[in-house]
PDB file of N, CA and C in Angstrom:
ATOM      1  N   MET A   1      73.952 -39.379  57.900  1.00  0.00           N
ATOM      2  CA  MET A   1      74.936 -38.322  57.806  1.00  0.00           C
ATOM      3  C   MET A   1      75.134 -37.972  56.354  1.00  0.00           C
ATOM      4  N   PRO A   2      74.827 -36.736  55.907  1.00  0.00           N
ATOM      5  CA  PRO A   2      74.942 -36.370  54.493  1.00  0.00           C
ATOM      6  C   PRO A   2      76.403 -36.269  54.086  1.00  0.00           C
ATOM      7  N   ALA A   3      76.619 -36.587  52.821  1.00  0.00           N
ATOM      8  CA  ALA A   3      78.009 -36.516  52.271  1.00  0.00           C
ATOM      9  C   ALA A   3      78.357 -35.035  52.102  1.00  0.00           C
ATOM     10  N   PRO A   4      79.628 -34.703  52.383  1.00  0.00           N
ATOM     11  CA  PRO A   4      80.039 -33.300  52.223  1.00  0.00           C
ATOM     12  C   PRO A   4      80.006 -32.900  50.722  1.00  0.00           C
ATOM     13  N   GLU A   5      79.607 -31.687  50.478  1.00  0.00           N
ATOM     14  CA  GLU A   5      79.544 -31.179  49.116  1.00  0.00           C
ATOM     15  C   GLU A   5      80.917 -30.898  48.587  1.00  0.00           C
ATOM     16  N   LYS A   6      81.165 -31.298  47.344  1.00  0.00           N
ATOM     17  CA  LYS A   6      82.472 -31.014  46.708  1.00  0.00           C
ATOM     18  C   LYS A   6      82.425 -29.596  46.127  1.00  0.00           C
ATOM     19  N   PRO A   7      83.507 -28.859  46.241  1.00  0.00           N
ATOM     20  CA  PRO A   7      83.507 -27.508  45.661  1.00  0.00           C
ATOM     21  C   PRO A   7      83.429 -27.575  44.129  1.00  0.00           C
ATOM     22  N   GLU A   8      82.764 -26.596  43.576  1.00  0.00           N
ATOM     23  CA  GLU A   8      82.615 -26.550  42.115  1.00  0.00           C
ATOM     24  C   GLU A   8      83.946 -26.172  41.489  1.00  0.00           C
ATOM     25  N   ILE A   9      84.353 -26.867  40.456  1.00  0.00           N
ATOM     26  CA  ILE A   9      85.604 -26.581  39.763  1.00  0.00           C
ATOM     27  C   ILE A   9      85.345 -25.566  38.674  1.00  0.00           C
ATOM     28  N   HIS A  10      86.107 -24.480  38.683  1.00  0.00           N
ATOM     29  CA  HIS A  10      85.935 -23.434  37.666  1.00  0.00           C
ATOM     30  C   HIS A  10      87.002 -23.598  36.624  1.00  0.00           C
ATOM     31  N   LEU A  11      86.577 -23.756  35.375  1.00  0.00           N
ATOM     32  CA  LEU A  11      87.519 -23.830  34.258  1.00  0.00           C
ATOM     33  C   LEU A  11      87.189 -22.648  33.309  1.00  0.00           C
ATOM     34  N   PRO A  12      88.216 -21.979  32.800  1.00  0.00           N
ATOM     35  CA  PRO A  12      87.950 -20.899  31.851  1.00  0.00           C
ATOM     36  C   PRO A  12      87.400 -21.429  30.564  1.00  0.00           C
ATOM     37  N   SER A  13      86.633 -20.592  29.877  1.00  0.00           N
ATOM     38  CA  SER A  13      86.051 -21.027  28.609  1.00  0.00           C
ATOM     39  C   SER A  13      87.170 -21.106  27.539  1.00  0.00           C
ATOM     40  N   PRO A  14      86.987 -21.944  26.539  1.00  0.00           N
ATOM     41  CA  PRO A  14      87.985 -22.025  25.463  1.00  0.00           C
ATOM     42  C   PRO A  14      88.154 -20.683  24.758  1.00  0.00           C
ATOM     43  N   SER A  15      89.373 -20.431  24.332  1.00  0.00           N
ATOM     44  CA  SER A  15      89.674 -19.095  23.750  1.00  0.00           C
ATOM     45  C   SER A  15      90.716 -19.256  22.642  1.00  0.00           C
ATOM     46  N   PHE A  16      90.606 -18.370  21.640  1.00  0.00           N
ATOM     47  CA  PHE A  16      91.586 -18.360  20.572  1.00  0.00           C
ATOM     48  C   PHE A  16      92.650 -17.270  20.797  1.00  0.00           C
ATOM     49  N   TRP A  17      92.487 -16.422  21.816  1.00  0.00           N
ATOM     50  CA  TRP A  17      93.422 -15.336  22.090  1.00  0.00           C
ATOM     51  C   TRP A  17      94.837 -15.819  22.380  1.00  0.00           C
ATOM     52  N   PRO A  18      95.054 -16.913  23.111  1.00  0.00           N
ATOM     53  CA  PRO A  18      96.452 -17.318  23.311  1.00  0.00           C
ATOM     54  C   PRO A  18      97.193 -17.678  22.017  1.00  0.00           C
ATOM     55  N   ILE A  19      96.446 -18.192  21.072  1.00  0.00           N
ATOM     56  CA  ILE A  19      97.062 -18.525  19.759  1.00  0.00           C
ATOM     57  C   ILE A  19      97.466 -17.242  19.040  1.00  0.00           C
ATOM     58  N   LEU A  20      96.649 -16.211  19.134  1.00  0.00           N
ATOM     59  CA  LEU A  20      97.007 -14.937  18.501  1.00  0.00           C
ATOM     60  C   LEU A  20      98.179 -14.236  19.196  1.00  0.00           C
ATOM     61  N   VAL A  21      98.246 -14.393  20.527  1.00  0.00           N
ATOM     62  CA  VAL A  21      99.401 -13.852  21.267  1.00  0.00           C
ATOM     63  C   VAL A  21     100.678 -14.550  20.796  1.00  0.00           C
ATOM     64  N   ALA A  22     100.636 -15.884  20.668  1.00  0.00           N
ATOM     65  CA  ALA A  22     101.788 -16.639  20.228  1.00  0.00           C
ATOM     66  C   ALA A  22     102.170 -16.253  18.810  1.00  0.00           C
ATOM     67  N   LEU A  23     101.201 -16.037  17.943  1.00  0.00           N
ATOM     68  CA  LEU A  23     101.478 -15.602  16.578  1.00  0.00           C
ATOM     69  C   LEU A  23     102.126 -14.221  16.533  1.00  0.00           C
ATOM     70  N   GLY A  24     101.682 -13.338  17.393  1.00  0.00           N
ATOM     71  CA  GLY A  24     102.272 -12.004  17.491  1.00  0.00           C
ATOM     72  C   GLY A  24     103.711 -12.096  17.925  1.00  0.00           C
ATOM     73  N   VAL A  25     104.032 -12.923  18.917  1.00  0.00           N
ATOM     74  CA  VAL A  25     105.380 -13.078  19.380  1.00  0.00           C
ATOM     75  C   VAL A  25     106.252 -13.701  18.265  1.00  0.00           C
ATOM     76  N   LEU A  26     105.712 -14.660  17.538  1.00  0.00           N
ATOM     77  CA  LEU A  26     106.447 -15.273  16.427  1.00  0.00           C
ATOM     78  C   LEU A  26     106.767 -14.235  15.359  1.00  0.00           C
ATOM     79  N   LEU A  27     105.792 -13.386  15.014  1.00  0.00           N
ATOM     80  CA  LEU A  27     106.004 -12.391  14.004  1.00  0.00           C
ATOM     81  C   LEU A  27     107.062 -11.357  14.462  1.00  0.00           C
ATOM     82  N   ILE A  28     107.067 -11.030  15.740  1.00  0.00           N
ATOM     83  CA  ILE A  28     108.083 -10.120  16.263  1.00  0.00           C
ATOM     84  C   ILE A  28     109.463 -10.729  16.099  1.00  0.00           C
ATOM     85  N   ALA A  29     109.610 -12.005  16.433  1.00  0.00           N
ATOM     86  CA  ALA A  29     110.890 -12.668  16.309  1.00  0.00           C
ATOM     87  C   ALA A  29     111.329 -12.793  14.877  1.00  0.00           C
ATOM     88  N   LEU A  30     110.418 -13.163  13.991  1.00  0.00           N
ATOM     89  CA  LEU A  30     110.761 -13.234  12.558  1.00  0.00           C
ATOM     90  C   LEU A  30     111.101 -11.882  11.987  1.00  0.00           C
ATOM     91  N   GLY A  31     110.422 -10.859  12.457  1.00  0.00           N
ATOM     92  CA  GLY A  31     110.696  -9.523  11.976  1.00  0.00           C
ATOM     93  C   GLY A  31     112.083  -9.032  12.400  1.00  0.00           C
ATOM     94  N   ILE A  32     112.534  -9.415  13.570  1.00  0.00           N
ATOM     95  CA  ILE A  32     113.871  -9.060  14.001  1.00  0.00           C
ATOM     96  C   ILE A  32     114.909  -9.713  13.102  1.00  0.00           C
ATOM     97  N   ILE A  33     114.616 -10.914  12.646  1.00  0.00           N
ATOM     98  CA  ILE A  33     115.548 -11.634  11.772  1.00  0.00           C
ATOM     99  C   ILE A  33     115.504 -11.085  10.334  1.00  0.00           C
ATOM    100  N   PHE A  34     114.308 -10.883   9.809  1.00  0.00           N
ATOM    101  CA  PHE A  34     114.143 -10.606   8.364  1.00  0.00           C
ATOM    102  C   PHE A  34     113.833  -9.149   8.047  1.00  0.00           C
ATOM    103  N   ASN A  35     112.796  -8.596   8.665  1.00  0.00           N
ATOM    104  CA  ASN A  35     112.355  -7.226   8.287  1.00  0.00           C
ATOM    105  C   ASN A  35     111.539  -6.650   9.443  1.00  0.00           C
ATOM    106  N   LEU A  36     111.867  -5.430   9.810  1.00  0.00           N
ATOM    107  CA  LEU A  36     111.250  -4.792  10.955  1.00  0.00           C
ATOM    108  C   LEU A  36     109.752  -4.500  10.746  1.00  0.00           C
ATOM    109  N   ILE A  37     109.319  -4.457   9.514  1.00  0.00           N
ATOM    110  CA  ILE A  37     107.893  -4.231   9.254  1.00  0.00           C
ATOM    111  C   ILE A  37     107.087  -5.421   9.760  1.00  0.00           C
ATOM    112  N   ILE A  38     107.658  -6.637   9.606  1.00  0.00           N
ATOM    113  CA  ILE A  38     106.970  -7.821  10.133  1.00  0.00           C
ATOM    114  C   ILE A  38     106.881  -7.705  11.659  1.00  0.00           C
ATOM    115  N   SER A  39     107.909  -7.157  12.296  1.00  0.00           N
ATOM    116  CA  SER A  39     107.860  -6.972  13.773  1.00  0.00           C
ATOM    117  C   SER A  39     106.772  -5.988  14.153  1.00  0.00           C
ATOM    118  N   LEU A  40     106.592  -4.952  13.374  1.00  0.00           N
ATOM    119  CA  LEU A  40     105.542  -3.981  13.697  1.00  0.00           C
ATOM    120  C   LEU A  40     104.172  -4.620  13.620  1.00  0.00           C
ATOM    121  N   VAL A  41     103.971  -5.467  12.595  1.00  0.00           N
ATOM    122  CA  VAL A  41     102.709  -6.189  12.483  1.00  0.00           C
ATOM    123  C   VAL A  41     102.517  -7.109  13.701  1.00  0.00           C
ATOM    124  N   GLY A  42     103.629  -7.743  14.115  1.00  0.00           N
ATOM    125  CA  GLY A  42     103.568  -8.631  15.279  1.00  0.00           C
ATOM    126  C   GLY A  42     103.224  -7.878  16.555  1.00  0.00           C
ATOM    127  N   VAL A  43     103.786  -6.668  16.724  1.00  0.00           N
ATOM    128  CA  VAL A  43     103.483  -5.864  17.904  1.00  0.00           C
ATOM    129  C   VAL A  43     102.003  -5.479  17.941  1.00  0.00           C
ATOM    130  N   VAL A  44     101.483  -5.068  16.789  1.00  0.00           N
ATOM    131  CA  VAL A  44     100.070  -4.681  16.733  1.00  0.00           C
ATOM    132  C   VAL A  44      99.180  -5.894  17.039  1.00  0.00           C
ATOM    133  N   LEU A  45      99.523  -7.020  16.464  1.00  0.00           N
ATOM    134  CA  LEU A  45      98.750  -8.240  16.729  1.00  0.00           C
ATOM    135  C   LEU A  45      98.860  -8.655  18.187  1.00  0.00           C
ATOM    136  N   LEU A  46     100.037  -8.605  18.768  1.00  0.00           N
ATOM    137  CA  LEU A  46     100.255  -8.959  20.147  1.00  0.00           C
ATOM    138  C   LEU A  46      99.457  -8.052  21.099  1.00  0.00           C
ATOM    139  N   LEU A  47      99.500  -6.778  20.882  1.00  0.00           N
ATOM    140  CA  LEU A  47      98.773  -5.829  21.745  1.00  0.00           C
ATOM    141  C   LEU A  47      97.272  -6.013  21.614  1.00  0.00           C
ATOM    142  N   GLY A  48      96.798  -6.177  20.376  1.00  0.00           N
ATOM    143  CA  GLY A  48      95.387  -6.373  20.135  1.00  0.00           C
ATOM    144  C   GLY A  48      94.859  -7.661  20.779  1.00  0.00           C
ATOM    145  N   ALA A  49      95.677  -8.727  20.688  1.00  0.00           N
ATOM    146  CA  ALA A  49      95.282  -9.992  21.281  1.00  0.00           C
ATOM    147  C   ALA A  49      95.269  -9.947  22.808  1.00  0.00           C
ATOM    148  N   GLN A  50      96.226  -9.230  23.385  1.00  0.00           N
ATOM    149  CA  GLN A  50      96.232  -9.071  24.832  1.00  0.00           C
ATOM    150  C   GLN A  50      95.041  -8.310  25.333  1.00  0.00           C
ATOM    151  N   VAL A  51      94.679  -7.256  24.615  1.00  0.00           N
ATOM    152  CA  VAL A  51      93.496  -6.497  25.034  1.00  0.00           C
ATOM    153  C   VAL A  51      92.240  -7.369  24.899  1.00  0.00           C
ATOM    154  N   GLY A  52      92.124  -8.072  23.794  1.00  0.00           N
ATOM    155  CA  GLY A  52      90.979  -8.942  23.598  1.00  0.00           C
ATOM    156  C   GLY A  52      90.894 -10.035  24.687  1.00  0.00           C
ATOM    157  N   TRP A  53      92.013 -10.584  25.044  1.00  0.00           N
ATOM    158  CA  TRP A  53      92.063 -11.633  26.053  1.00  0.00           C
ATOM    159  C   TRP A  53      91.643 -11.073  27.425  1.00  0.00           C
ATOM    160  N   MET A  54      92.124  -9.875  27.742  1.00  0.00           N
ATOM    161  CA  MET A  54      91.761  -9.272  29.026  1.00  0.00           C
ATOM    162  C   MET A  54      90.256  -8.955  29.076  1.00  0.00           C
ATOM    163  N   LEU A  55      89.729  -8.429  27.995  1.00  0.00           N
ATOM    164  CA  LEU A  55      88.312  -8.099  27.960  1.00  0.00           C
ATOM    165  C   LEU A  55      87.460  -9.381  28.035  1.00  0.00           C
ATOM    166  N   GLU A  56      87.903 -10.422  27.405  1.00  0.00           N
ATOM    167  CA  GLU A  56      87.178 -11.696  27.446  1.00  0.00           C
ATOM    168  C   GLU A  56      87.124 -12.200  28.888  1.00  0.00           C
ATOM    169  N   ASN A  57      88.211 -12.100  29.632  1.00  0.00           N
ATOM    170  CA  ASN A  57      88.233 -12.548  31.017  1.00  0.00           C
ATOM    171  C   ASN A  57      87.310 -11.694  31.884  1.00  0.00           C
ATOM    172  N   ARG A  58      87.180 -10.411  31.601  1.00  0.00           N
ATOM    173  CA  ARG A  58      86.262  -9.551  32.378  1.00  0.00           C
ATOM    174  C   ARG A  58      84.831  -9.989  32.150  1.00  0.00           C
ATOM    175  N   VAL A  59      84.489 -10.355  30.895  1.00  0.00           N
ATOM    176  CA  VAL A  59      83.148 -10.779  30.585  1.00  0.00           C
ATOM    177  C   VAL A  59      82.855 -12.101  31.260  1.00  0.00           C
ATOM    178  N   ASP A  60      83.817 -13.054  31.262  1.00  0.00           N
ATOM    179  CA  ASP A  60      83.653 -14.322  31.924  1.00  0.00           C
ATOM    180  C   ASP A  60      83.445 -14.126  33.416  1.00  0.00           C
ATOM    181  N   ALA A  61      84.214 -13.208  34.039  1.00  0.00           N
ATOM    182  CA  ALA A  61      84.097 -12.995  35.455  1.00  0.00           C
ATOM    183  C   ALA A  61      82.744 -12.395  35.799  1.00  0.00           C
ATOM    184  N   ALA A  62      82.252 -11.472  34.990  1.00  0.00           N
ATOM    185  CA  ALA A  62      80.935 -10.883  35.197  1.00  0.00           C
ATOM    186  C   ALA A  62      79.823 -11.934  35.089  1.00  0.00           C
ATOM    187  N   ASP A  63      79.975 -12.848  34.114  1.00  0.00           N
ATOM    188  CA  ASP A  63      78.974 -13.900  33.963  1.00  0.00           C
ATOM    189  C   ASP A  63      79.007 -14.827  35.166  1.00  0.00           C
ATOM    190  N   GLY A  64      80.189 -15.102  35.687  1.00  0.00           N
ATOM    191  CA  GLY A  64      80.304 -15.986  36.850  1.00  0.00           C
ATOM    192  C   GLY A  64      79.709 -15.379  38.083  1.00  0.00           C
ATOM    193  N   GLU A  65      79.863 -14.088  38.287  1.00  0.00           N
ATOM    194  CA  GLU A  65      79.284 -13.416  39.441  1.00  0.00           C
ATOM    195  C   GLU A  65      77.742 -13.394  39.355  1.00  0.00           C
ATOM    196  N   ALA A  66      77.237 -13.231  38.124  1.00  0.00           N
ATOM    197  CA  ALA A  66      75.791 -13.212  37.956  1.00  0.00           C
ATOM    198  C   ALA A  66      75.187 -14.607  38.228  1.00  0.00           C
ATOM    199  N   ALA A  67      75.946 -15.678  37.909  1.00  0.00           N
ATOM    200  CA  ALA A  67      75.448 -17.005  38.120  1.00  0.00           C
ATOM    201  C   ALA A  67      75.413 -17.360  39.591  1.00  0.00           C
ATOM    202  N   HIS A  68      76.270 -16.731  40.407  1.00  0.00           N
ATOM    203  CA  HIS A  68      76.310 -17.065  41.832  1.00  0.00           C
ATOM    204  C   HIS A  68      75.306 -16.285  42.657  1.00  0.00           C
ATOM    205  N   GLU A  69      74.605 -15.336  42.071  1.00  0.00           N
ATOM    206  CA  GLU A  69      73.620 -14.526  42.802  1.00  0.00           C
ATOM    207  C   GLU A  69      72.320 -15.262  42.964  1.00  0.00           C
TER     208      GLU A  69
END
């Protein structure tokens, strides 16, 4: 009797985007306290990091689908 196959565990690839998102949020908070220009830099960084993170996940998903074919 063959042993049942274990399902493959999918882990996302390591990424630096979450760190940039956190840095953007930190700059927004510091900018509210000290200077709104710092907040604007934080908003730009936050939005850019979110877009990069989303695009990275789309590339990972496409690679995963190609591997299963």
